[in-house]
């Protein structure tokens, strides 16, 4: 994630939109994904002394994937 970090996060955001469009997850599952993403980022921010450097990229990927799913879920018509 050193070369193009914003591009990679944008790709995962777009993948979240495509996943939500393709599978149309129900309400509770979308909110569960965003809660998991927020928890992962929260652990990274709240516990800086624990070495999360290996997993920082994965946490951000999951977070942006879930944000993409949530944004498409909130803006799509049923």
PDB file of N, CA and C in Angstrom:
ATOM      1  N   UNK A   1       0.831  -1.189   0.000  1.00  0.00           N
ATOM      2  CA  UNK A   1       0.000   0.000   0.000  1.00  0.00           C
ATOM      3  C   UNK A   1       0.875   1.252   0.000  1.00  0.00           C
ATOM      4  N   UNK A   2       2.110   1.130  -0.349  1.00  0.00           N
ATOM      5  CA  UNK A   2       3.003   2.273  -0.323  1.00  0.00           C
ATOM      6  C   UNK A   2       2.954   3.103  -1.595  1.00  0.00           C
ATOM      7  N   UNK A   3       2.661   2.506  -2.743  1.00  0.00           N
ATOM      8  CA  UNK A   3       2.780   3.236  -3.994  1.00  0.00           C
ATOM      9  C   UNK A   3       1.590   4.153  -4.269  1.00  0.00           C
ATOM     10  N   UNK A   4       0.395   3.638  -4.195  1.00  0.00           N
ATOM     11  CA  UNK A   4      -0.805   4.419  -4.509  1.00  0.00           C
ATOM     12  C   UNK A   4      -1.879   4.179  -3.454  1.00  0.00           C
ATOM     13  N   UNK A   5      -1.725   4.701  -2.243  1.00  0.00           N
ATOM     14  CA  UNK A   5      -2.677   4.351  -1.178  1.00  0.00           C
ATOM     15  C   UNK A   5      -4.088   4.861  -1.420  1.00  0.00           C
ATOM     16  N   UNK A   6      -4.222   6.054  -1.962  1.00  0.00           N
ATOM     17  CA  UNK A   6      -5.566   6.600  -2.183  1.00  0.00           C
ATOM     18  C   UNK A   6      -6.269   5.845  -3.308  1.00  0.00           C
ATOM     19  N   UNK A   7      -5.531   5.467  -4.339  1.00  0.00           N
ATOM     20  CA  UNK A   7      -6.122   4.711  -5.440  1.00  0.00           C
ATOM     21  C   UNK A   7      -6.619   3.354  -4.974  1.00  0.00           C
ATOM     22  N   UNK A   8      -5.845   2.690  -4.153  1.00  0.00           N
ATOM     23  CA  UNK A   8      -6.249   1.373  -3.642  1.00  0.00           C
ATOM     24  C   UNK A   8      -7.498   1.499  -2.782  1.00  0.00           C
ATOM     25  N   UNK A   9      -7.569   2.530  -1.932  1.00  0.00           N
ATOM     26  CA  UNK A   9      -8.762   2.726  -1.114  1.00  0.00           C
ATOM     27  C   UNK A   9      -9.968   3.080  -1.973  1.00  0.00           C
ATOM     28  N   UNK A  10      -9.757   3.837  -3.043  1.00  0.00           N
ATOM     29  CA  UNK A  10     -10.841   4.169  -3.963  1.00  0.00           C
ATOM     30  C   UNK A  10     -11.348   2.923  -4.672  1.00  0.00           C
ATOM     31  N   UNK A  11     -10.452   2.029  -5.034  1.00  0.00           N
ATOM     32  CA  UNK A  11     -10.846   0.771  -5.673  1.00  0.00           C
ATOM     33  C   UNK A  11     -11.699  -0.059  -4.717  1.00  0.00           C
ATOM     34  N   UNK A  12     -11.315  -0.124  -3.447  1.00  0.00           N
ATOM     35  CA  UNK A  12     -12.111  -0.894  -2.478  1.00  0.00           C
ATOM     36  C   UNK A  12     -13.465  -0.230  -2.220  1.00  0.00           C
ATOM     37  N   UNK A  13     -13.516   1.089  -2.255  1.00  0.00           N
ATOM     38  CA  UNK A  13     -14.790   1.794  -2.129  1.00  0.00           C
ATOM     39  C   UNK A  13     -15.704   1.420  -3.301  1.00  0.00           C
ATOM     40  N   UNK A  14     -15.145   1.434  -4.507  1.00  0.00           N
ATOM     41  CA  UNK A  14     -15.911   1.042  -5.688  1.00  0.00           C
ATOM     42  C   UNK A  14     -16.333  -0.413  -5.642  1.00  0.00           C
ATOM     43  N   UNK A  15     -15.461  -1.269  -5.118  1.00  0.00           N
ATOM     44  CA  UNK A  15     -15.824  -2.679  -4.974  1.00  0.00           C
ATOM     45  C   UNK A  15     -16.981  -2.847  -3.997  1.00  0.00           C
ATOM     46  N   UNK A  16     -17.015  -2.034  -2.943  1.00  0.00           N
ATOM     47  CA  UNK A  16     -18.132  -2.088  -2.003  1.00  0.00           C
ATOM     48  C   UNK A  16     -19.443  -1.718  -2.673  1.00  0.00           C
ATOM     49  N   UNK A  17     -19.395  -0.719  -3.549  1.00  0.00           N
ATOM     50  CA  UNK A  17     -20.593  -0.330  -4.291  1.00  0.00           C
ATOM     51  C   UNK A  17     -21.042  -1.465  -5.206  1.00  0.00           C
ATOM     52  N   UNK A  18     -20.085  -2.072  -5.909  1.00  0.00           N
ATOM     53  CA  UNK A  18     -20.430  -3.171  -6.814  1.00  0.00           C
ATOM     54  C   UNK A  18     -20.954  -4.393  -6.060  1.00  0.00           C
ATOM     55  N   UNK A  19     -20.378  -4.700  -4.921  1.00  0.00           N
ATOM     56  CA  UNK A  19     -20.838  -5.845  -4.123  1.00  0.00           C
ATOM     57  C   UNK A  19     -22.266  -5.616  -3.641  1.00  0.00           C
ATOM     58  N   UNK A  20     -22.553  -4.410  -3.167  1.00  0.00           N
ATOM     59  CA  UNK A  20     -23.910  -4.112  -2.695  1.00  0.00           C
ATOM     60  C   UNK A  20     -24.898  -4.131  -3.849  1.00  0.00           C
ATOM     61  N   UNK A  21     -24.482  -3.668  -5.015  1.00  0.00           N
ATOM     62  CA  UNK A  21     -25.370  -3.662  -6.175  1.00  0.00           C
ATOM     63  C   UNK A  21     -25.647  -5.080  -6.662  1.00  0.00           C
ATOM     64  N   UNK A  22     -24.634  -5.923  -6.631  1.00  0.00           N
ATOM     65  CA  UNK A  22     -24.775  -7.287  -7.135  1.00  0.00           C
ATOM     66  C   UNK A  22     -25.570  -8.187  -6.187  1.00  0.00           C
ATOM     67  N   UNK A  23     -25.287  -8.107  -4.894  1.00  0.00           N
ATOM     68  CA  UNK A  23     -25.883  -9.045  -3.950  1.00  0.00           C
ATOM     69  C   UNK A  23     -27.054  -8.470  -3.163  1.00  0.00           C
ATOM     70  N   UNK A  24     -27.191  -7.168  -3.072  1.00  0.00           N
ATOM     71  CA  UNK A  24     -28.306  -6.507  -2.377  1.00  0.00           C
ATOM     72  C   UNK A  24     -28.524  -7.091  -0.981  1.00  0.00           C
ATOM     73  N   UNK A  25     -27.557  -6.871  -0.114  1.00  0.00           N
ATOM     74  CA  UNK A  25     -27.633  -7.365   1.253  1.00  0.00           C
ATOM     75  C   UNK A  25     -28.751  -6.676   2.024  1.00  0.00           C
ATOM     76  N   UNK A  26     -29.368  -7.364   2.986  1.00  0.00           N
ATOM     77  CA  UNK A  26     -30.410  -6.737   3.809  1.00  0.00           C
ATOM     78  C   UNK A  26     -29.823  -5.704   4.773  1.00  0.00           C
ATOM     79  N   UNK A  27     -30.724  -4.979   5.412  1.00  0.00           N
ATOM     80  CA  UNK A  27     -30.335  -3.867   6.284  1.00  0.00           C
ATOM     81  C   UNK A  27     -29.348  -4.282   7.373  1.00  0.00           C
ATOM     82  N   UNK A  28     -29.690  -5.300   8.125  1.00  0.00           N
ATOM     83  CA  UNK A  28     -28.858  -5.669   9.274  1.00  0.00           C
ATOM     84  C   UNK A  28     -27.461  -6.108   8.851  1.00  0.00           C
ATOM     85  N   UNK A  29     -27.336  -6.715   7.679  1.00  0.00           N
ATOM     86  CA  UNK A  29     -26.023  -7.167   7.225  1.00  0.00           C
ATOM     87  C   UNK A  29     -25.146  -5.989   6.798  1.00  0.00           C
ATOM     88  N   UNK A  30     -25.737  -4.997   6.156  1.00  0.00           N
ATOM     89  CA  UNK A  30     -24.978  -3.803   5.764  1.00  0.00           C
ATOM     90  C   UNK A  30     -24.508  -3.065   7.008  1.00  0.00           C
ATOM     91  N   UNK A  31     -25.381  -2.914   7.987  1.00  0.00           N
ATOM     92  CA  UNK A  31     -24.989  -2.236   9.221  1.00  0.00           C
ATOM     93  C   UNK A  31     -23.960  -3.053  10.003  1.00  0.00           C
ATOM     94  N   UNK A  32     -24.023  -4.370   9.889  1.00  0.00           N
ATOM     95  CA  UNK A  32     -23.005  -5.210  10.530  1.00  0.00           C
ATOM     96  C   UNK A  32     -21.644  -5.015   9.880  1.00  0.00           C
ATOM     97  N   UNK A  33     -21.618  -4.920   8.547  1.00  0.00           N
ATOM     98  CA  UNK A  33     -20.357  -4.680   7.851  1.00  0.00           C
ATOM     99  C   UNK A  33     -19.737  -3.346   8.270  1.00  0.00           C
ATOM    100  N   UNK A  34     -20.549  -2.315   8.346  1.00  0.00           N
ATOM    101  CA  UNK A  34     -20.002  -1.003   8.726  1.00  0.00           C
ATOM    102  C   UNK A  34     -19.559  -1.021  10.184  1.00  0.00           C
ATOM    103  N   UNK A  35     -20.255  -1.743  11.045  1.00  0.00           N
ATOM    104  CA  UNK A  35     -19.831  -1.834  12.449  1.00  0.00           C
ATOM    105  C   UNK A  35     -18.498  -2.568  12.568  1.00  0.00           C
ATOM    106  N   UNK A  36     -18.327  -3.626  11.806  1.00  0.00           N
ATOM    107  CA  UNK A  36     -17.052  -4.353  11.824  1.00  0.00           C
ATOM    108  C   UNK A  36     -15.934  -3.466  11.307  1.00  0.00           C
ATOM    109  N   UNK A  37     -16.190  -2.742  10.234  1.00  0.00           N
ATOM    110  CA  UNK A  37     -15.181  -1.834   9.703  1.00  0.00           C
ATOM    111  C   UNK A  37     -14.807  -0.746  10.691  1.00  0.00           C
ATOM    112  N   UNK A  38     -15.791  -0.181  11.354  1.00  0.00           N
ATOM    113  CA  UNK A  38     -15.513   0.855  12.356  1.00  0.00           C
ATOM    114  C   UNK A  38     -14.768   0.293  13.560  1.00  0.00           C
ATOM    115  N   UNK A  39     -15.115  -0.914  13.973  1.00  0.00           N
ATOM    116  CA  UNK A  39     -14.398  -1.545  15.080  1.00  0.00           C
ATOM    117  C   UNK A  39     -12.930  -1.789  14.747  1.00  0.00           C
ATOM    118  N   UNK A  40     -12.676  -2.252  13.543  1.00  0.00           N
ATOM    119  CA  UNK A  40     -11.291  -2.501  13.143  1.00  0.00           C
ATOM    120  C   UNK A  40     -10.472  -1.214  13.112  1.00  0.00           C
ATOM    121  N   UNK A  41     -11.041  -0.164  12.543  1.00  0.00           N
ATOM    122  CA  UNK A  41     -10.334   1.119  12.515  1.00  0.00           C
ATOM    123  C   UNK A  41     -10.219   1.680  13.928  1.00  0.00           C
ATOM    124  N   UNK A  42     -11.243   1.499  14.746  1.00  0.00           N
ATOM    125  CA  UNK A  42     -11.203   1.971  16.129  1.00  0.00           C
ATOM    126  C   UNK A  42     -10.113   1.285  16.938  1.00  0.00           C
ATOM    127  N   UNK A  43      -9.950  -0.021  16.759  1.00  0.00           N
ATOM    128  CA  UNK A  43      -8.867  -0.716  17.449  1.00  0.00           C
ATOM    129  C   UNK A  43      -7.512  -0.183  17.028  1.00  0.00           C
ATOM    130  N   UNK A  44      -7.393   0.120  15.760  1.00  0.00           N
ATOM    131  CA  UNK A  44      -6.123   0.655  15.256  1.00  0.00           C
ATOM    132  C   UNK A  44      -5.829   2.020  15.877  1.00  0.00           C
ATOM    133  N   UNK A  45      -6.861   2.839  16.041  1.00  0.00           N
ATOM    134  CA  UNK A  45      -6.659   4.185  16.585  1.00  0.00           C
ATOM    135  C   UNK A  45      -6.540   4.203  18.105  1.00  0.00           C
ATOM    136  N   UNK A  46      -7.254   3.317  18.787  1.00  0.00           N
ATOM    137  CA  UNK A  46      -7.260   3.326  20.247  1.00  0.00           C
ATOM    138  C   UNK A  46      -6.056   2.644  20.877  1.00  0.00           C
ATOM    139  N   UNK A  47      -5.465   1.717  20.161  1.00  0.00           N
ATOM    140  CA  UNK A  47      -4.330   0.979  20.701  1.00  0.00           C
ATOM    141  C   UNK A  47      -3.096   1.166  19.827  1.00  0.00           C
ATOM    142  N   UNK A  48      -2.513   2.360  19.844  1.00  0.00           N
ATOM    143  CA  UNK A  48      -1.375   2.610  18.953  1.00  0.00           C
ATOM    144  C   UNK A  48      -0.097   1.878  19.372  1.00  0.00           C
ATOM    145  N   UNK A  49      -0.005   1.463  20.626  1.00  0.00           N
ATOM    146  CA  UNK A  49       1.212   0.797  21.073  1.00  0.00           C
ATOM    147  C   UNK A  49       1.306  -0.642  20.599  1.00  0.00           C
ATOM    148  N   UNK A  50       0.153  -1.249  20.325  1.00  0.00           N
ATOM    149  CA  UNK A  50       0.163  -2.604  19.784  1.00  0.00           C
ATOM    150  C   UNK A  50       0.506  -2.499  18.295  1.00  0.00           C
ATOM    151  N   UNK A  51       1.360  -3.356  17.825  1.00  0.00           N
ATOM    152  CA  UNK A  51       1.830  -3.283  16.448  1.00  0.00           C
ATOM    153  C   UNK A  51       0.770  -3.805  15.474  1.00  0.00           C
ATOM    154  N   UNK A  52       0.043  -2.895  14.879  1.00  0.00           N
ATOM    155  CA  UNK A  52      -0.933  -3.229  13.859  1.00  0.00           C
ATOM    156  C   UNK A  52      -0.410  -2.892  12.468  1.00  0.00           C
ATOM    157  N   UNK A  53       0.858  -2.596  12.342  1.00  0.00           N
ATOM    158  CA  UNK A  53       1.402  -2.150  11.063  1.00  0.00           C
ATOM    159  C   UNK A  53       1.199  -3.178   9.955  1.00  0.00           C
ATOM    160  N   UNK A  54       1.267  -4.470  10.302  1.00  0.00           N
ATOM    161  CA  UNK A  54       1.058  -5.504   9.291  1.00  0.00           C
ATOM    162  C   UNK A  54      -0.379  -5.491   8.779  1.00  0.00           C
ATOM    163  N   UNK A  55      -1.302  -5.157   9.661  1.00  0.00           N
ATOM    164  CA  UNK A  55      -2.719  -5.284   9.341  1.00  0.00           C
ATOM    165  C   UNK A  55      -3.389  -3.949   9.024  1.00  0.00           C
ATOM    166  N   UNK A  56      -2.652  -2.863   9.082  1.00  0.00           N
ATOM    167  CA  UNK A  56      -3.250  -1.550   8.863  1.00  0.00           C
ATOM    168  C   UNK A  56      -3.907  -1.454   7.487  1.00  0.00           C
ATOM    169  N   UNK A  57      -3.264  -1.953   6.470  1.00  0.00           N
ATOM    170  CA  UNK A  57      -3.819  -1.900   5.122  1.00  0.00           C
ATOM    171  C   UNK A  57      -5.100  -2.719   5.022  1.00  0.00           C
ATOM    172  N   UNK A  58      -5.102  -3.883   5.625  1.00  0.00           N
ATOM    173  CA  UNK A  58      -6.294  -4.743   5.560  1.00  0.00           C
ATOM    174  C   UNK A  58      -7.459  -4.092   6.289  1.00  0.00           C
ATOM    175  N   UNK A  59      -7.194  -3.479   7.447  1.00  0.00           N
ATOM    176  CA  UNK A  59      -8.247  -2.780   8.182  1.00  0.00           C
ATOM    177  C   UNK A  59      -8.849  -1.664   7.333  1.00  0.00           C
ATOM    178  N   UNK A  60      -8.014  -0.903   6.670  1.00  0.00           N
ATOM    179  CA  UNK A  60      -8.507   0.185   5.835  1.00  0.00           C
ATOM    180  C   UNK A  60      -9.266  -0.345   4.623  1.00  0.00           C
ATOM    181  N   UNK A  61      -8.823  -1.452   4.040  1.00  0.00           N
ATOM    182  CA  UNK A  61      -9.538  -2.037   2.912  1.00  0.00           C
ATOM    183  C   UNK A  61     -10.935  -2.465   3.323  1.00  0.00           C
ATOM    184  N   UNK A  62     -11.048  -3.137   4.459  1.00  0.00           N
ATOM    185  CA  UNK A  62     -12.358  -3.579   4.946  1.00  0.00           C
ATOM    186  C   UNK A  62     -13.238  -2.374   5.263  1.00  0.00           C
ATOM    187  N   UNK A  63     -12.640  -1.350   5.851  1.00  0.00           N
ATOM    188  CA  UNK A  63     -13.395  -0.146   6.190  1.00  0.00           C
ATOM    189  C   UNK A  63     -13.938   0.530   4.935  1.00  0.00           C
ATOM    190  N   UNK A  64     -13.116   0.712   3.908  1.00  0.00           N
ATOM    191  CA  UNK A  64     -13.582   1.376   2.700  1.00  0.00           C
ATOM    192  C   UNK A  64     -14.542   0.507   1.906  1.00  0.00           C
ATOM    193  N   UNK A  65     -14.384  -0.801   1.953  1.00  0.00           N
ATOM    194  CA  UNK A  65     -15.345  -1.688   1.327  1.00  0.00           C
ATOM    195  C   UNK A  65     -16.714  -1.547   2.001  1.00  0.00           C
ATOM    196  N   UNK A  66     -16.724  -1.495   3.322  1.00  0.00           N
ATOM    197  CA  UNK A  66     -17.992  -1.365   4.038  1.00  0.00           C
ATOM    198  C   UNK A  66     -18.593   0.030   3.860  1.00  0.00           C
ATOM    199  N   UNK A  67     -17.758   1.060   3.761  1.00  0.00           N
ATOM    200  CA  UNK A  67     -18.278   2.410   3.496  1.00  0.00           C
ATOM    201  C   UNK A  67     -18.915   2.476   2.114  1.00  0.00           C
ATOM    202  N   UNK A  68     -18.308   1.832   1.128  1.00  0.00           N
ATOM    203  CA  UNK A  68     -18.895   1.768  -0.214  1.00  0.00           C
ATOM    204  C   UNK A  68     -20.225   1.046  -0.217  1.00  0.00           C
ATOM    205  N   UNK A  69     -20.302  -0.051   0.524  1.00  0.00           N
ATOM    206  CA  UNK A  69     -21.562  -0.785   0.617  1.00  0.00           C
ATOM    207  C   UNK A  69     -22.641   0.064   1.283  1.00  0.00           C
ATOM    208  N   UNK A  70     -22.271   0.759   2.351  1.00  0.00           N
ATOM    209  CA  UNK A  70     -23.245   1.581   3.066  1.00  0.00           C
ATOM    210  C   UNK A  70     -23.725   2.743   2.207  1.00  0.00           C
ATOM    211  N   UNK A  71     -22.815   3.399   1.519  1.00  0.00           N
ATOM    212  CA  UNK A  71     -23.224   4.559   0.706  1.00  0.00           C
ATOM    213  C   UNK A  71     -24.144   4.126  -0.434  1.00  0.00           C
ATOM    214  N   UNK A  72     -23.872   2.988  -1.047  1.00  0.00           N
ATOM    215  CA  UNK A  72     -24.769   2.524  -2.109  1.00  0.00           C
ATOM    216  C   UNK A  72     -26.099   2.051  -1.525  1.00  0.00           C
ATOM    217  N   UNK A  73     -26.069   1.439  -0.368  1.00  0.00           N
ATOM    218  CA  UNK A  73     -27.301   0.989   0.281  1.00  0.00           C
ATOM    219  C   UNK A  73     -28.200   2.172   0.624  1.00  0.00           C
ATOM    220  N   UNK A  74     -27.614   3.244   1.126  1.00  0.00           N
ATOM    221  CA  UNK A  74     -28.410   4.405   1.525  1.00  0.00           C
ATOM    222  C   UNK A  74     -28.942   5.193   0.323  1.00  0.00           C
ATOM    223  N   UNK A  75     -28.257   5.122  -0.817  1.00  0.00           N
ATOM    224  CA  UNK A  75     -28.665   5.925  -1.973  1.00  0.00           C
ATOM    225  C   UNK A  75     -29.375   5.122  -3.045  1.00  0.00           C
ATOM    226  N   UNK A  76     -29.593   3.839  -2.851  1.00  0.00           N
ATOM    227  CA  UNK A  76     -30.266   3.033  -3.879  1.00  0.00           C
ATOM    228  C   UNK A  76     -31.767   2.995  -3.596  1.00  0.00           C
ATOM    229  N   UNK A  77     -32.509   2.834  -4.661  1.00  0.00           N
ATOM    230  CA  UNK A  77     -33.962   2.741  -4.529  1.00  0.00           C
ATOM    231  C   UNK A  77     -34.350   1.286  -4.366  1.00  0.00           C
ATOM    232  N   UNK A  78     -35.290   1.017  -3.494  1.00  0.00           N
ATOM    233  CA  UNK A  78     -35.749  -0.359  -3.269  1.00  0.00           C
ATOM    234  C   UNK A  78     -36.761  -0.751  -4.317  1.00  0.00           C
TER     235      UNK A  78
END
